[in-house]
Amino acid sequence: MELEIRRNRNAVEVSLKKGMRDADAVSARKKLLTLVEEGAISLTVDISNLEYLDGENLATLVSIRKRCLQKGGEMTVAGMRDSVKELFEISRLDLVFKTQK
């Protein structure tokens, strides 16, 4: 899995470039937490390149969102494909996360 990171002061957009699997979730969590700890209070995670997310990946997104909120920031998930959007709806995470197309 690759992360493409674009910064604009305290706003950071991260694009996930390859399919995320359980092993990738740990690495992604560390990188995203580092961004938040370094002051990224507005974090947008673009998942448009992902066709699926598993439970570990969902947990990663939830933990990053929680840390953003603790730091006074926000997190947005952008670019959900239909299959991922359905997963968010089934798990009711669509009610938790701020999303954008």
Protein backbone atom coordinates (compact mmCIF):
# COMPACT_ATOMS: atom_id res chain seq x y z
CA MET A 1 0.00 0.00 0.00
CA GLU A 2 1.18 3.49 -0.81
CA LEU A 3 0.10 6.79 0.69
CA GLU A 4 0.22 9.97 -1.34
CA ILE A 5 0.32 12.94 1.03
CA ARG A 6 -0.47 16.55 0.13
CA ARG A 7 -0.12 19.26 2.79
CA ASN A 8 -1.50 22.76 2.96
CA ARG A 9 -0.57 24.11 6.40
CA ASN A 10 -2.68 22.17 8.93
CA ALA A 11 -4.82 20.56 6.24
CA VAL A 12 -3.59 17.26 4.86
CA GLU A 13 -5.06 15.10 2.11
CA VAL A 14 -3.95 11.49 2.01
CA SER A 15 -4.74 9.24 -0.95
CA LEU A 16 -4.52 5.51 -0.45
CA LYS A 17 -3.00 4.19 -3.66
CA LYS A 18 -3.23 0.41 -3.46
CA GLY A 19 -5.54 -2.10 -1.84
CA MET A 20 -5.28 -2.15 1.91
CA ARG A 21 -4.95 -5.48 3.66
CA ASP A 22 -4.56 -6.26 7.37
CA ALA A 23 -0.77 -5.87 7.24
CA ASP A 24 -1.12 -2.49 5.54
CA ALA A 25 -3.48 -1.18 8.21
CA VAL A 26 -0.74 -1.10 10.86
CA SER A 27 1.60 0.85 8.62
CA ALA A 28 -1.15 3.24 7.49
CA ARG A 29 -2.26 3.82 11.10
CA LYS A 30 1.29 4.75 12.14
CA LYS A 31 1.74 7.16 9.22
CA LEU A 32 -1.65 8.80 9.69
CA LEU A 33 -1.21 9.13 13.46
CA THR A 34 2.16 10.77 12.85
CA LEU A 35 0.49 13.32 10.56
CA VAL A 36 -2.08 14.12 13.24
CA GLU A 37 0.59 14.37 15.94
CA GLU A 38 2.53 16.75 13.68
CA GLY A 39 -0.44 19.10 13.59
CA ALA A 40 -2.71 17.95 10.76
CA ILE A 41 -6.01 19.05 12.25
CA SER A 42 -7.97 18.77 9.02
CA LEU A 43 -7.36 15.35 7.53
CA THR A 44 -9.00 14.08 4.35
CA VAL A 45 -8.47 10.43 3.48
CA ASP A 46 -9.21 9.68 -0.17
CA ILE A 47 -10.14 6.04 -0.60
CA SER A 48 -11.33 6.26 -4.22
CA ASN A 49 -8.66 3.77 -5.31
CA LEU A 50 -9.89 1.11 -2.89
CA GLU A 51 -12.50 -1.43 -3.90
CA TYR A 52 -12.86 -2.85 -0.39
CA LEU A 53 -11.89 -2.35 3.23
CA ASP A 54 -11.68 -5.08 5.84
CA GLY A 55 -12.35 -4.83 9.56
CA GLU A 56 -8.79 -3.89 10.46
CA ASN A 57 -8.85 -1.07 7.94
CA LEU A 58 -12.15 0.23 9.27
CA ALA A 59 -10.65 0.15 12.77
CA THR A 60 -7.70 2.17 11.47
CA LEU A 61 -10.00 4.86 10.08
CA VAL A 62 -11.98 4.95 13.34
CA SER A 63 -8.84 5.32 15.47
CA ILE A 64 -7.44 8.08 13.25
CA ARG A 65 -10.76 9.95 13.40
CA LYS A 66 -10.80 9.62 17.18
CA ARG A 67 -7.27 11.04 17.46
CA CYS A 68 -8.15 13.92 15.13
CA LEU A 69 -11.10 14.81 17.33
CA GLN A 70 -8.96 14.59 20.47
CA LYS A 71 -6.57 17.11 18.89
CA GLY A 72 -9.45 19.46 18.05
CA GLY A 73 -9.48 18.57 14.38
CA GLU A 74 -11.65 16.70 11.95
CA MET A 75 -11.37 13.85 9.48
CA THR A 76 -13.20 13.38 6.21
CA VAL A 77 -13.35 10.22 4.11
CA ALA A 78 -13.56 11.01 0.41
CA GLY A 79 -14.16 9.05 -2.76
CA MET A 80 -16.02 6.00 -1.50
CA ARG A 81 -16.86 3.44 -4.15
CA ASP A 82 -20.27 1.80 -3.93
CA SER A 83 -18.97 -1.37 -2.26
CA VAL A 84 -17.12 0.62 0.42
CA LYS A 85 -20.06 2.98 0.87
CA GLU A 86 -22.32 -0.03 1.45
CA LEU A 87 -19.92 -1.31 4.11
CA PHE A 88 -19.99 2.08 5.84
CA GLU A 89 -23.78 2.04 5.76
CA ILE A 90 -24.08 -1.53 7.07
CA SER A 91 -21.67 -0.78 9.91
CA ARG A 92 -23.40 2.59 10.48
CA LEU A 93 -20.08 4.38 10.13
CA ASP A 94 -21.73 6.64 7.55
CA LEU A 95 -23.37 8.30 10.58
CA VAL A 96 -19.99 8.81 12.27
CA PHE A 97 -17.69 9.96 9.49
CA LYS A 98 -17.87 13.16 7.52
CA THR A 99 -17.80 12.07 3.89
CA GLN A 100 -17.45 13.65 0.48
CA LYS A 101 -17.63 12.35 -3.05
